[in-house]
Amino acid sequence: MAPILFMNESWDEIGQLFKNARSIVILSHVRPDGDAYGSSLGLAWTLRALGKEVLVCNEDGMARSYRFLPGSEEVVSTPKTAPQGCDIVIAVDTSTQERLGPTFALWNRKVDINLDHHASNTCYGTWNLIDPLAPASALVCYKLLQALGWTCPKEAASCFYVGLLTDTNAFRFCPLSPDVFRMAAELVEQGADPLSLSEGAYRNYSIGQFHLLREILAQTVFAWENRVAYYRLTPALLKQTGAENTEVENFLTYLQKVSTVQVAFMLEELEPNLTRVSLRSRAPIDVCQIAQRFGGGGHPRASGIRARIPMAEMEKLLLEEIRQVLQ
């Protein structure tokens, strides 16, 4: 099903849905990033200001690197059963219902509202508000607030700002329309502190994370005349450095600093026969098309894969796909 853009005729129905709700659950994708956490918490602060009971949960709970976000202490691991009396389930920044995690699948419940910006979103909610031109789901959530006339509390502004900041890689990833900078300015006007939030997002390494980065840079592999760079992440490497697996995602930025690198990727061994891949690229290379060949998805410049393929085999398959694209 094609993504559904914002449609004015949907707002009355959605507004009434929120008005009638007392208890709301907000979920986001496994291995949440700054946009998943920022969008979830920003929406939670806004809804609580309206008098709603809100639970923010995620398959992986709260990552250490984003605990500077207001309200982060209230993020919990997804419970095995749906909270009693839950009126609305909201998914943010999640392209498929499966990416909400296996625990949510046990609820045997449909998502009521699906807020996202991935063009590959499968529209699995009862209401699907998808804007593939938005660089972050934080912008989608913020448009929801504006459309329904809700006030954005200071704490929500801070969370949304981090979602926008991190998914644009500090305003360096496309699409960067004037709307993006208007939203950033409005969030600052509403109380978001760009200096402290940037400090939290980009100068917040644990010592284990630093040691992991050092090991990964030493082991980075270059291929196809230095047009491709990648590294492998294993449980042994995490144990050796003392880092968490959630602390590795932005390391691809370092590989992309090499001027010749058009595609950078990470291979992570989750289990002996389960591999996770993160892909990044420069224009005009579309890594989303590569990811979709393995059942993944995302954006043209940033996509991911989770496949039942051993890491060594995944490496060979992926390099061949990338080689064909580069040719």
Protein backbone atom coordinates (compact mmCIF):
# COMPACT_ATOMS: atom_id res chain seq x y z
CA MET A 1 0.00 0.00 0.00
CA ALA A 2 1.34 3.44 -0.91
CA PRO A 3 2.09 5.85 1.94
CA ILE A 4 -0.78 8.14 2.92
CA LEU A 5 0.18 11.78 3.15
CA PHE A 6 -1.36 14.20 5.61
CA MET A 7 -5.02 14.59 4.72
CA ASN A 8 -7.19 17.34 6.23
CA GLU A 9 -10.29 15.18 6.36
CA SER A 10 -8.55 12.87 8.84
CA TRP A 11 -7.95 15.45 11.56
CA ASP A 12 -11.49 15.57 12.95
CA GLU A 13 -11.59 11.81 13.36
CA ILE A 14 -8.15 11.65 14.94
CA GLY A 15 -8.91 14.61 17.19
CA GLN A 16 -12.05 12.89 18.44
CA LEU A 17 -10.11 9.67 18.99
CA PHE A 18 -7.66 11.50 21.28
CA LYS A 19 -10.46 13.42 23.01
CA ASN A 20 -12.23 10.19 23.98
CA ALA A 21 -9.06 8.42 25.10
CA ARG A 22 -7.90 8.29 28.70
CA SER A 23 -4.95 5.87 28.49
CA ILE A 24 -2.44 5.86 25.61
CA VAL A 25 0.57 3.68 24.79
CA ILE A 26 3.37 4.96 22.52
CA LEU A 27 5.81 2.50 20.92
CA SER A 28 8.71 2.82 18.50
CA HIS A 29 11.00 0.49 16.56
CA VAL A 30 13.54 -1.94 17.98
CA ARG A 31 16.99 -0.42 18.46
CA PRO A 32 15.50 3.06 18.82
CA ASP A 33 17.48 6.09 17.71
CA GLY A 34 17.20 9.77 18.61
CA ASP A 35 14.15 10.29 16.42
CA ALA A 36 12.30 7.27 17.84
CA TYR A 37 12.98 8.36 21.42
CA GLY A 38 12.49 12.06 20.72
CA SER A 39 9.20 11.59 18.87
CA SER A 40 7.84 9.18 21.49
CA LEU A 41 8.75 11.33 24.47
CA GLY A 42 7.74 14.59 22.79
CA LEU A 43 4.31 13.18 22.03
CA ALA A 44 4.04 11.79 25.57
CA TRP A 45 4.78 15.18 27.17
CA THR A 46 2.18 16.81 24.94
CA LEU A 47 -0.52 14.24 25.71
CA ARG A 48 0.14 14.35 29.44
CA ALA A 49 -0.33 18.12 29.31
CA LEU A 50 -3.81 17.32 27.95
CA GLY A 51 -4.53 15.17 31.00
CA LYS A 52 -3.91 11.77 29.38
CA GLU A 53 -2.24 8.76 30.97
CA VAL A 54 0.68 7.82 28.75
CA LEU A 55 3.05 4.85 28.74
CA VAL A 56 6.15 5.03 26.52
CA CYS A 57 7.66 1.64 25.85
CA ASN A 58 10.07 -0.06 23.51
CA GLU A 59 11.36 -3.58 22.98
CA ASP A 60 14.82 -2.42 24.07
CA GLY A 61 13.84 0.02 26.81
CA MET A 62 15.91 3.21 27.22
CA ALA A 63 19.42 3.42 25.75
CA ARG A 64 22.10 4.99 27.94
CA SER A 65 23.10 7.49 25.27
CA TYR A 66 19.65 9.16 25.24
CA ARG A 67 19.01 9.38 28.97
CA PHE A 68 19.58 13.14 28.81
CA LEU A 69 16.12 13.49 27.21
CA PRO A 70 13.38 14.88 29.49
CA GLY A 71 11.22 12.00 30.71
CA SER A 72 13.67 9.29 29.64
CA GLU A 73 13.41 7.64 33.06
CA GLU A 74 9.79 6.74 32.28
CA VAL A 75 10.58 4.72 29.13
CA VAL A 76 10.14 1.02 29.88
CA SER A 77 10.61 -2.25 28.04
CA THR A 78 7.46 -3.34 26.22
CA PRO A 79 5.30 -5.37 28.65
CA LYS A 80 4.28 -8.87 27.61
CA THR A 81 0.59 -7.98 27.79
CA ALA A 82 -1.23 -4.82 26.76
CA PRO A 83 -1.77 -2.43 29.70
CA GLN A 84 -5.28 -2.79 31.06
CA GLY A 85 -7.64 -0.07 29.90
CA CYS A 86 -5.39 1.11 27.05
CA ASP A 87 -7.55 3.15 24.64
CA ILE A 88 -5.03 4.03 21.92
CA VAL A 89 -1.82 2.41 20.68
CA ILE A 90 0.47 4.77 18.75
CA ALA A 91 3.53 3.71 16.75
CA VAL A 92 6.12 6.34 15.84
CA ASP A 93 9.06 6.20 13.44
CA THR A 94 8.38 2.54 12.56
CA SER A 95 7.91 1.41 8.98
CA THR A 96 6.40 -2.03 9.67
CA GLN A 97 4.49 -3.45 12.62
CA GLU A 98 7.08 -6.25 12.94
CA ARG A 99 9.73 -3.65 13.81
CA LEU A 100 7.83 -2.80 16.99
CA GLY A 101 9.31 -6.04 18.28
CA PRO A 102 8.22 -9.57 19.15
CA THR A 103 6.83 -8.56 22.56
CA PHE A 104 4.26 -6.21 21.07
CA ALA A 105 3.20 -9.03 18.72
CA LEU A 106 2.04 -10.93 21.83
CA TRP A 107 -0.57 -8.22 22.47
CA ASN A 108 -2.47 -9.40 19.39
CA ARG A 109 -3.64 -5.84 18.88
CA LYS A 110 -3.68 -3.50 15.92
CA VAL A 111 -1.90 -0.15 16.03
CA ASP A 112 -4.45 2.69 16.09
CA ILE A 113 -2.25 5.56 14.88
CA ASN A 114 0.90 5.14 12.80
CA LEU A 115 3.10 8.28 12.67
CA ASP A 116 6.15 7.96 10.44
CA HIS A 117 8.33 9.43 7.69
CA HIS A 118 9.65 6.30 5.97
CA ALA A 119 8.55 5.94 2.36
CA SER A 120 8.62 2.16 2.87
CA ASN A 121 5.93 2.34 5.61
CA THR A 122 3.33 -0.39 5.09
CA CYS A 123 0.43 1.64 6.58
CA TYR A 124 -0.35 -0.98 9.22
CA GLY A 125 -2.33 1.35 11.50
CA THR A 126 -6.02 2.19 11.51
CA TRP A 127 -4.94 5.79 10.87
CA ASN A 128 -1.68 6.28 8.98
CA LEU A 129 -0.07 9.71 8.97
CA ILE A 130 3.03 9.27 6.85
CA ASP A 131 5.09 12.06 5.35
CA PRO A 132 8.00 10.60 3.35
CA LEU A 133 9.25 14.12 2.60
CA ALA A 134 9.82 14.82 6.29
CA PRO A 135 13.44 14.18 7.40
CA ALA A 136 12.29 12.94 10.82
CA SER A 137 9.21 11.53 12.50
CA ALA A 138 9.54 14.37 15.01
CA LEU A 139 8.34 16.69 12.24
CA VAL A 140 5.34 14.42 11.58
CA CYS A 141 4.42 14.46 15.28
CA TYR A 142 4.87 18.23 15.42
CA LYS A 143 2.52 18.66 12.45
CA LEU A 144 -0.02 16.56 14.33
CA LEU A 145 0.21 18.95 17.28
CA GLN A 146 -0.25 21.95 15.04
CA ALA A 147 -3.18 20.43 13.15
CA LEU A 148 -5.04 19.61 16.38
CA GLY A 149 -4.20 22.91 18.05
CA TRP A 150 -2.26 21.37 20.95
CA THR A 151 0.32 23.26 23.00
CA CYS A 152 3.90 22.00 22.85
CA PRO A 153 5.40 21.96 26.38
CA LYS A 154 9.06 22.90 26.86
CA GLU A 155 10.02 19.28 27.53
CA ALA A 156 8.25 18.12 24.37
CA ALA A 157 10.03 20.81 22.36
CA SER A 158 13.38 19.50 23.63
CA CYS A 159 12.53 15.91 22.68
CA PHE A 160 11.24 16.83 19.23
CA TYR A 161 14.35 18.96 18.63
CA VAL A 162 16.62 15.98 19.34
CA GLY A 163 14.56 13.82 16.97
CA LEU A 164 14.98 16.40 14.23
CA LEU A 165 18.65 17.03 15.03
CA THR A 166 19.73 13.39 15.02
CA ASP A 167 17.75 12.13 12.02
CA THR A 168 19.15 14.95 9.89
CA ASN A 169 22.63 14.24 11.34
CA ALA A 170 22.86 17.79 12.68
CA PHE A 171 21.03 19.24 9.64
CA ARG A 172 23.27 17.54 7.09
CA PHE A 173 20.92 14.89 5.62
CA CYS A 174 18.27 15.60 3.00
CA PRO A 175 15.50 16.50 2.66
CA LEU A 176 16.13 19.86 4.34
CA SER A 177 13.19 22.06 3.39
CA PRO A 178 12.48 25.48 4.93
CA ASP A 179 9.88 23.68 7.10
CA VAL A 180 12.69 21.86 8.89
CA PHE A 181 14.41 25.06 9.97
CA ARG A 182 11.10 26.73 10.84
CA MET A 183 10.29 23.81 13.11
CA ALA A 184 13.74 23.97 14.72
CA ALA A 185 13.31 27.72 15.34
CA GLU A 186 9.83 27.25 16.79
CA LEU A 187 11.05 24.50 19.12
CA VAL A 188 13.82 26.77 20.37
CA GLU A 189 11.23 29.51 20.95
CA GLN A 190 9.21 26.99 22.96
CA GLY A 191 12.12 26.18 25.26
CA ALA A 192 14.45 23.71 23.53
CA ASP A 193 18.09 24.58 24.24
CA PRO A 194 20.05 23.76 21.07
CA LEU A 195 23.43 23.93 22.79
CA SER A 196 22.74 21.51 25.65
CA LEU A 197 20.73 19.17 23.42
CA SER A 198 23.51 19.04 20.82
CA GLU A 199 25.95 18.35 23.64
CA GLY A 200 23.79 15.45 24.80
CA ALA A 201 23.36 14.05 21.31
CA TYR A 202 26.95 14.33 20.06
CA ARG A 203 29.29 14.67 23.07
CA ASN A 204 27.96 11.95 25.29
CA TYR A 205 30.23 8.92 24.78
CA SER A 206 30.82 6.41 27.55
CA ILE A 207 34.39 5.19 27.91
CA GLY A 208 33.26 1.83 26.53
CA GLN A 209 31.81 3.55 23.48
CA PHE A 210 35.13 5.31 22.88
CA HIS A 211 37.06 2.05 23.10
CA LEU A 212 34.57 0.41 20.73
CA LEU A 213 35.01 3.23 18.20
CA ARG A 214 38.79 2.84 18.38
CA GLU A 215 38.53 -0.91 17.67
CA ILE A 216 36.05 -0.44 14.84
CA LEU A 217 38.12 2.21 13.07
CA ALA A 218 41.16 -0.04 13.31
CA GLN A 219 39.20 -2.91 11.74
CA THR A 220 37.33 -0.95 9.04
CA VAL A 221 37.48 -2.61 5.62
CA PHE A 222 37.65 -0.61 2.38
CA ALA A 223 36.59 -2.07 -0.98
CA TRP A 224 36.00 -1.18 -4.63
CA GLU A 225 38.72 1.49 -4.85
CA ASN A 226 37.79 2.89 -1.42
CA ARG A 227 34.24 3.62 -2.58
CA VAL A 228 32.86 1.26 0.06
CA ALA A 229 33.75 1.08 3.76
CA TYR A 230 32.33 -1.23 6.39
CA TYR A 231 32.94 -2.87 9.75
CA ARG A 232 31.73 -5.93 11.65
CA LEU A 233 30.27 -5.84 15.15
CA THR A 234 30.22 -9.02 17.22
CA PRO A 235 29.13 -9.83 20.79
CA ALA A 236 32.81 -10.52 21.58
CA LEU A 237 33.80 -7.00 20.55
CA LEU A 238 31.08 -5.47 22.71
CA LYS A 239 32.19 -7.57 25.67
CA GLN A 240 35.83 -6.63 25.08
CA THR A 241 35.15 -2.89 25.11
CA GLY A 242 32.30 -2.79 27.62
CA ALA A 243 30.06 -0.87 25.20
CA GLU A 244 26.34 -1.35 24.63
CA ASN A 245 25.07 -2.43 21.21
CA THR A 246 22.96 0.76 21.10
CA GLU A 247 26.13 2.88 21.14
CA VAL A 248 27.45 1.99 17.70
CA GLU A 249 25.00 3.42 15.15
CA ASN A 250 26.58 6.83 14.55
CA PHE A 251 30.01 5.30 13.95
CA LEU A 252 29.18 5.09 10.25
CA THR A 253 29.55 8.87 10.17
CA TYR A 254 33.31 8.42 10.64
CA LEU A 255 33.54 6.13 7.63
CA GLN A 256 31.67 8.68 5.54
CA LYS A 257 34.28 11.32 6.31
CA VAL A 258 36.50 9.67 3.70
CA SER A 259 35.83 11.61 0.50
CA THR A 260 35.86 8.54 -1.78
CA VAL A 261 33.35 6.52 0.28
CA GLN A 262 29.97 6.35 -1.43
CA VAL A 263 28.51 3.53 0.67
CA ALA A 264 29.26 2.76 4.32
CA PHE A 265 27.70 -0.09 6.23
CA MET A 266 27.84 -2.05 9.47
CA LEU A 267 27.32 -5.79 9.89
CA GLU A 268 26.17 -6.83 13.35
CA GLU A 269 25.94 -10.44 14.48
CA LEU A 270 22.82 -10.64 16.65
CA GLU A 271 22.84 -14.46 16.64
CA PRO A 272 24.94 -16.98 14.66
CA ASN A 273 22.34 -16.94 11.83
CA LEU A 274 20.81 -13.49 12.36
CA THR A 275 22.52 -10.39 11.00
CA ARG A 276 21.61 -6.74 11.27
CA VAL A 277 22.90 -4.25 8.71
CA SER A 278 22.96 -0.45 8.75
CA LEU A 279 23.66 1.29 5.43
CA ARG A 280 24.56 4.91 4.63
CA SER A 281 25.34 6.51 1.28
CA ARG A 282 26.06 9.66 -0.65
CA ALA A 283 23.82 10.81 -3.49
CA PRO A 284 22.94 9.39 -5.93
CA ILE A 285 23.35 5.92 -4.37
CA ASP A 286 20.00 4.68 -2.99
CA VAL A 287 20.71 2.18 -0.20
CA CYS A 288 17.00 1.71 0.46
CA GLN A 289 16.75 -0.23 -2.80
CA ILE A 290 19.63 -2.43 -1.67
CA ALA A 291 18.03 -3.00 1.75
CA GLN A 292 14.68 -3.93 0.23
CA ARG A 293 16.31 -6.81 -1.67
CA PHE A 294 16.97 -8.41 1.73
CA GLY A 295 13.61 -7.53 3.28
CA GLY A 296 14.80 -4.27 4.83
CA GLY A 297 14.00 -0.64 4.13
CA GLY A 298 14.42 2.95 5.21
CA HIS A 299 15.57 6.01 3.30
CA PRO A 300 17.66 6.53 0.15
CA ARG A 301 20.68 7.62 2.23
CA ALA A 302 20.10 5.59 5.39
CA SER A 303 18.53 2.13 5.55
CA GLY A 304 18.66 -1.11 7.47
CA ILE A 305 18.30 -4.87 7.18
CA ARG A 306 17.63 -7.67 9.65
CA ALA A 307 17.94 -11.06 7.96
CA ARG A 308 18.27 -14.74 8.89
CA ILE A 309 21.62 -14.95 7.12
CA PRO A 310 25.02 -15.64 8.75
CA MET A 311 27.18 -12.52 8.93
CA ALA A 312 29.94 -13.83 6.62
CA GLU A 313 27.41 -14.78 3.94
CA MET A 314 25.57 -11.47 4.36
CA GLU A 315 28.85 -9.64 3.83
CA LYS A 316 29.45 -11.37 0.48
CA LEU A 317 25.89 -10.86 -0.74
CA LEU A 318 25.85 -7.21 0.25
CA LEU A 319 29.19 -6.42 -1.35
CA GLU A 320 27.98 -7.94 -4.61
CA GLU A 321 24.78 -5.88 -4.54
CA ILE A 322 26.74 -2.71 -3.84
CA ARG A 323 29.23 -3.52 -6.59
CA GLN A 324 26.42 -3.79 -9.12
CA VAL A 325 24.95 -0.46 -7.99
CA LEU A 326 28.33 1.29 -8.19
CA GLN A 327 28.87 -0.05 -11.70
